[in-house]
Every structure is written in C-alpha cells, then in structure tokens.
C-alpha cells in the first residue's frame, strides 16, 4: 500500500518537474550543490562520531 502511494506521488512530481530546468542547469550550480551535500554529510558524520566518542568517554572507555 505504501509503495503504491509513493509511486503515485513520484509520478506526480516527475510530471510537475520542468525538464529544461533540470537538464540545462549550469555545471557550476551542479558542482556547488554537490559540494554542499558532501559537506553536509561530512558534518553529519562528524557530529555522530563525536557523540559516540562522548558517550564512550562518559562510560569510562578511554583510548589509552
């Protein structure tokens, strides 16, 4: 049931997208978006790793 709903929503979104807007974006805009997404994922990984390290240190686990 959920899959059917997702497929309907995706088909509607695809119909609404303007192909020229998607295809004819300048290369530098695509590179900027790539860099933003990459930077965000690196930042998210850093936050999760720091949280785990903080929890492990609080539990008495030390690296030395």
N, C-alpha and C. Protein backbone atom coordinates (compact mmCIF):
# COMPACT_ATOMS: atom_id res chain seq x y z
N UNK A 1 0.82 -1.19 0.00
CA UNK A 1 0.00 0.00 0.00
C UNK A 1 0.86 1.26 0.00
N UNK A 2 1.88 1.27 0.87
CA UNK A 2 2.76 2.44 0.94
C UNK A 2 3.51 2.61 -0.37
N UNK A 3 3.92 1.50 -0.96
CA UNK A 3 4.65 1.57 -2.22
C UNK A 3 3.80 2.21 -3.31
N UNK A 4 2.53 1.89 -3.35
CA UNK A 4 1.63 2.46 -4.35
C UNK A 4 1.50 3.96 -4.14
N UNK A 5 1.38 4.37 -2.89
CA UNK A 5 1.27 5.80 -2.59
C UNK A 5 2.53 6.53 -3.01
N UNK A 6 3.68 5.95 -2.72
CA UNK A 6 4.95 6.57 -3.11
C UNK A 6 5.07 6.67 -4.62
N UNK A 7 4.67 5.62 -5.33
CA UNK A 7 4.73 5.65 -6.79
C UNK A 7 3.83 6.74 -7.36
N UNK A 8 2.64 6.91 -6.80
CA UNK A 8 1.72 7.95 -7.28
C UNK A 8 2.32 9.32 -7.04
N UNK A 9 2.89 9.53 -5.86
CA UNK A 9 3.50 10.82 -5.54
C UNK A 9 4.68 11.09 -6.46
N UNK A 10 5.52 10.08 -6.68
CA UNK A 10 6.68 10.26 -7.55
C UNK A 10 6.26 10.58 -8.98
N UNK A 11 5.25 9.90 -9.49
CA UNK A 11 4.78 10.19 -10.85
C UNK A 11 4.26 11.62 -10.96
N UNK A 12 3.56 12.08 -9.93
CA UNK A 12 3.06 13.45 -9.94
C UNK A 12 4.21 14.44 -9.92
N UNK A 13 5.22 14.18 -9.08
CA UNK A 13 6.36 15.09 -9.01
C UNK A 13 7.14 15.13 -10.32
N UNK A 14 7.27 13.97 -10.95
CA UNK A 14 8.00 13.90 -12.21
C UNK A 14 7.27 14.69 -13.29
N UNK A 15 5.94 14.58 -13.30
CA UNK A 15 5.16 15.34 -14.28
C UNK A 15 5.29 16.84 -14.05
N UNK A 16 5.38 17.24 -12.79
CA UNK A 16 5.45 18.66 -12.48
C UNK A 16 6.83 19.26 -12.75
N UNK A 17 7.85 18.43 -12.76
CA UNK A 17 9.20 18.94 -13.00
C UNK A 17 9.33 19.44 -14.43
N UNK A 18 9.99 20.54 -14.57
CA UNK A 18 10.26 21.09 -15.88
C UNK A 18 11.59 20.53 -16.36
N UNK A 19 11.58 19.76 -17.43
CA UNK A 19 12.80 19.10 -17.89
C UNK A 19 13.90 20.09 -18.22
N UNK A 20 13.55 21.23 -18.78
CA UNK A 20 14.57 22.21 -19.16
C UNK A 20 15.27 22.75 -17.92
N UNK A 21 14.55 22.92 -16.84
CA UNK A 21 15.16 23.42 -15.61
C UNK A 21 16.16 22.41 -15.07
N UNK A 22 15.84 21.15 -15.14
CA UNK A 22 16.71 20.11 -14.61
C UNK A 22 17.92 19.90 -15.51
N UNK A 23 17.71 19.82 -16.79
CA UNK A 23 18.79 19.47 -17.72
C UNK A 23 19.72 20.64 -18.01
N UNK A 24 19.21 21.84 -18.09
CA UNK A 24 20.02 22.96 -18.55
C UNK A 24 20.59 23.82 -17.43
N UNK A 25 20.76 23.25 -16.27
CA UNK A 25 21.42 23.99 -15.19
C UNK A 25 22.91 24.12 -15.51
N UNK A 26 23.49 25.28 -15.20
CA UNK A 26 24.93 25.43 -15.43
C UNK A 26 25.73 24.41 -14.61
N UNK A 27 26.86 24.01 -15.15
CA UNK A 27 27.66 22.99 -14.47
C UNK A 27 28.12 23.46 -13.10
N UNK A 28 28.40 24.74 -12.94
CA UNK A 28 28.90 25.23 -11.66
C UNK A 28 27.82 25.14 -10.57
N UNK A 29 26.54 25.28 -10.94
CA UNK A 29 25.48 25.12 -9.94
C UNK A 29 25.39 23.68 -9.47
N UNK A 30 25.58 22.76 -10.40
CA UNK A 30 25.55 21.35 -10.01
C UNK A 30 26.73 21.01 -9.12
N UNK A 31 27.89 21.59 -9.40
CA UNK A 31 29.08 21.35 -8.58
C UNK A 31 28.89 21.95 -7.19
N UNK A 32 28.28 23.13 -7.12
CA UNK A 32 28.03 23.76 -5.82
C UNK A 32 27.09 22.90 -4.99
N UNK A 33 26.03 22.38 -5.61
CA UNK A 33 25.11 21.51 -4.88
C UNK A 33 25.82 20.23 -4.42
N UNK A 34 26.66 19.69 -5.27
CA UNK A 34 27.42 18.51 -4.89
C UNK A 34 28.29 18.80 -3.67
N UNK A 35 28.96 19.94 -3.69
CA UNK A 35 29.83 20.31 -2.57
C UNK A 35 29.02 20.54 -1.29
N UNK A 36 27.86 21.15 -1.41
CA UNK A 36 27.01 21.38 -0.24
C UNK A 36 26.54 20.06 0.36
N UNK A 37 26.09 19.16 -0.48
CA UNK A 37 25.62 17.86 0.00
C UNK A 37 26.77 17.07 0.62
N UNK A 38 27.93 17.08 -0.02
CA UNK A 38 29.09 16.37 0.50
C UNK A 38 29.50 16.97 1.85
N UNK A 39 29.59 18.29 1.92
CA UNK A 39 29.97 18.94 3.17
C UNK A 39 28.99 18.65 4.29
N UNK A 40 27.70 18.64 3.96
CA UNK A 40 26.68 18.32 4.95
C UNK A 40 26.81 16.90 5.47
N UNK A 41 27.12 15.97 4.58
CA UNK A 41 27.26 14.58 5.01
C UNK A 41 28.52 14.40 5.88
N UNK A 42 29.59 15.10 5.54
CA UNK A 42 30.80 15.03 6.36
C UNK A 42 30.54 15.62 7.74
N UNK A 43 29.82 16.74 7.78
CA UNK A 43 29.48 17.37 9.05
C UNK A 43 28.59 16.46 9.89
N UNK A 44 27.62 15.81 9.27
CA UNK A 44 26.74 14.88 9.99
C UNK A 44 27.54 13.71 10.56
N UNK A 45 28.46 13.18 9.77
CA UNK A 45 29.30 12.08 10.25
C UNK A 45 30.15 12.53 11.44
N UNK A 46 30.69 13.74 11.38
CA UNK A 46 31.48 14.28 12.48
C UNK A 46 30.65 14.39 13.76
N UNK A 47 29.42 14.87 13.63
CA UNK A 47 28.54 15.03 14.79
C UNK A 47 28.23 13.68 15.42
N UNK A 48 27.90 12.69 14.61
CA UNK A 48 27.59 11.35 15.13
C UNK A 48 28.82 10.72 15.78
N UNK A 49 29.97 10.83 15.13
CA UNK A 49 31.20 10.25 15.69
C UNK A 49 31.57 10.93 17.00
N UNK A 50 31.39 12.25 17.07
CA UNK A 50 31.70 12.97 18.31
C UNK A 50 30.75 12.56 19.43
N UNK A 51 29.49 12.36 19.09
CA UNK A 51 28.52 11.93 20.10
C UNK A 51 28.89 10.54 20.64
N UNK A 52 29.26 9.63 19.75
CA UNK A 52 29.68 8.30 20.20
C UNK A 52 30.93 8.38 21.07
N UNK A 53 31.87 9.21 20.68
CA UNK A 53 33.09 9.34 21.47
C UNK A 53 32.80 9.91 22.85
N UNK A 54 31.89 10.90 22.90
CA UNK A 54 31.50 11.48 24.17
C UNK A 54 30.82 10.44 25.07
N UNK A 55 29.94 9.65 24.49
CA UNK A 55 29.25 8.61 25.27
C UNK A 55 30.22 7.53 25.75
N UNK A 56 31.16 7.16 24.89
CA UNK A 56 32.12 6.14 25.28
C UNK A 56 33.06 6.65 26.38
N UNK A 57 33.46 7.91 26.30
CA UNK A 57 34.30 8.50 27.34
C UNK A 57 33.53 8.60 28.66
N UNK A 58 32.26 8.96 28.57
CA UNK A 58 31.42 9.03 29.77
C UNK A 58 31.24 7.67 30.42
N UNK A 59 31.29 6.61 29.61
CA UNK A 59 31.12 5.25 30.13
C UNK A 59 32.44 4.70 30.69
N UNK A 60 33.51 5.46 30.57
CA UNK A 60 34.78 5.02 31.13
C UNK A 60 35.72 4.40 30.12
N UNK A 61 35.36 4.39 28.87
CA UNK A 61 36.25 3.84 27.84
C UNK A 61 37.21 4.93 27.40
N UNK A 62 38.48 4.62 27.45
CA UNK A 62 39.49 5.60 27.04
C UNK A 62 40.39 4.98 26.00
N UNK A 63 41.03 5.83 25.18
CA UNK A 63 41.86 5.32 24.10
C UNK A 63 43.25 4.93 24.59
N UNK A 64 43.60 5.26 25.81
CA UNK A 64 44.93 4.90 26.34
C UNK A 64 44.85 4.34 27.71
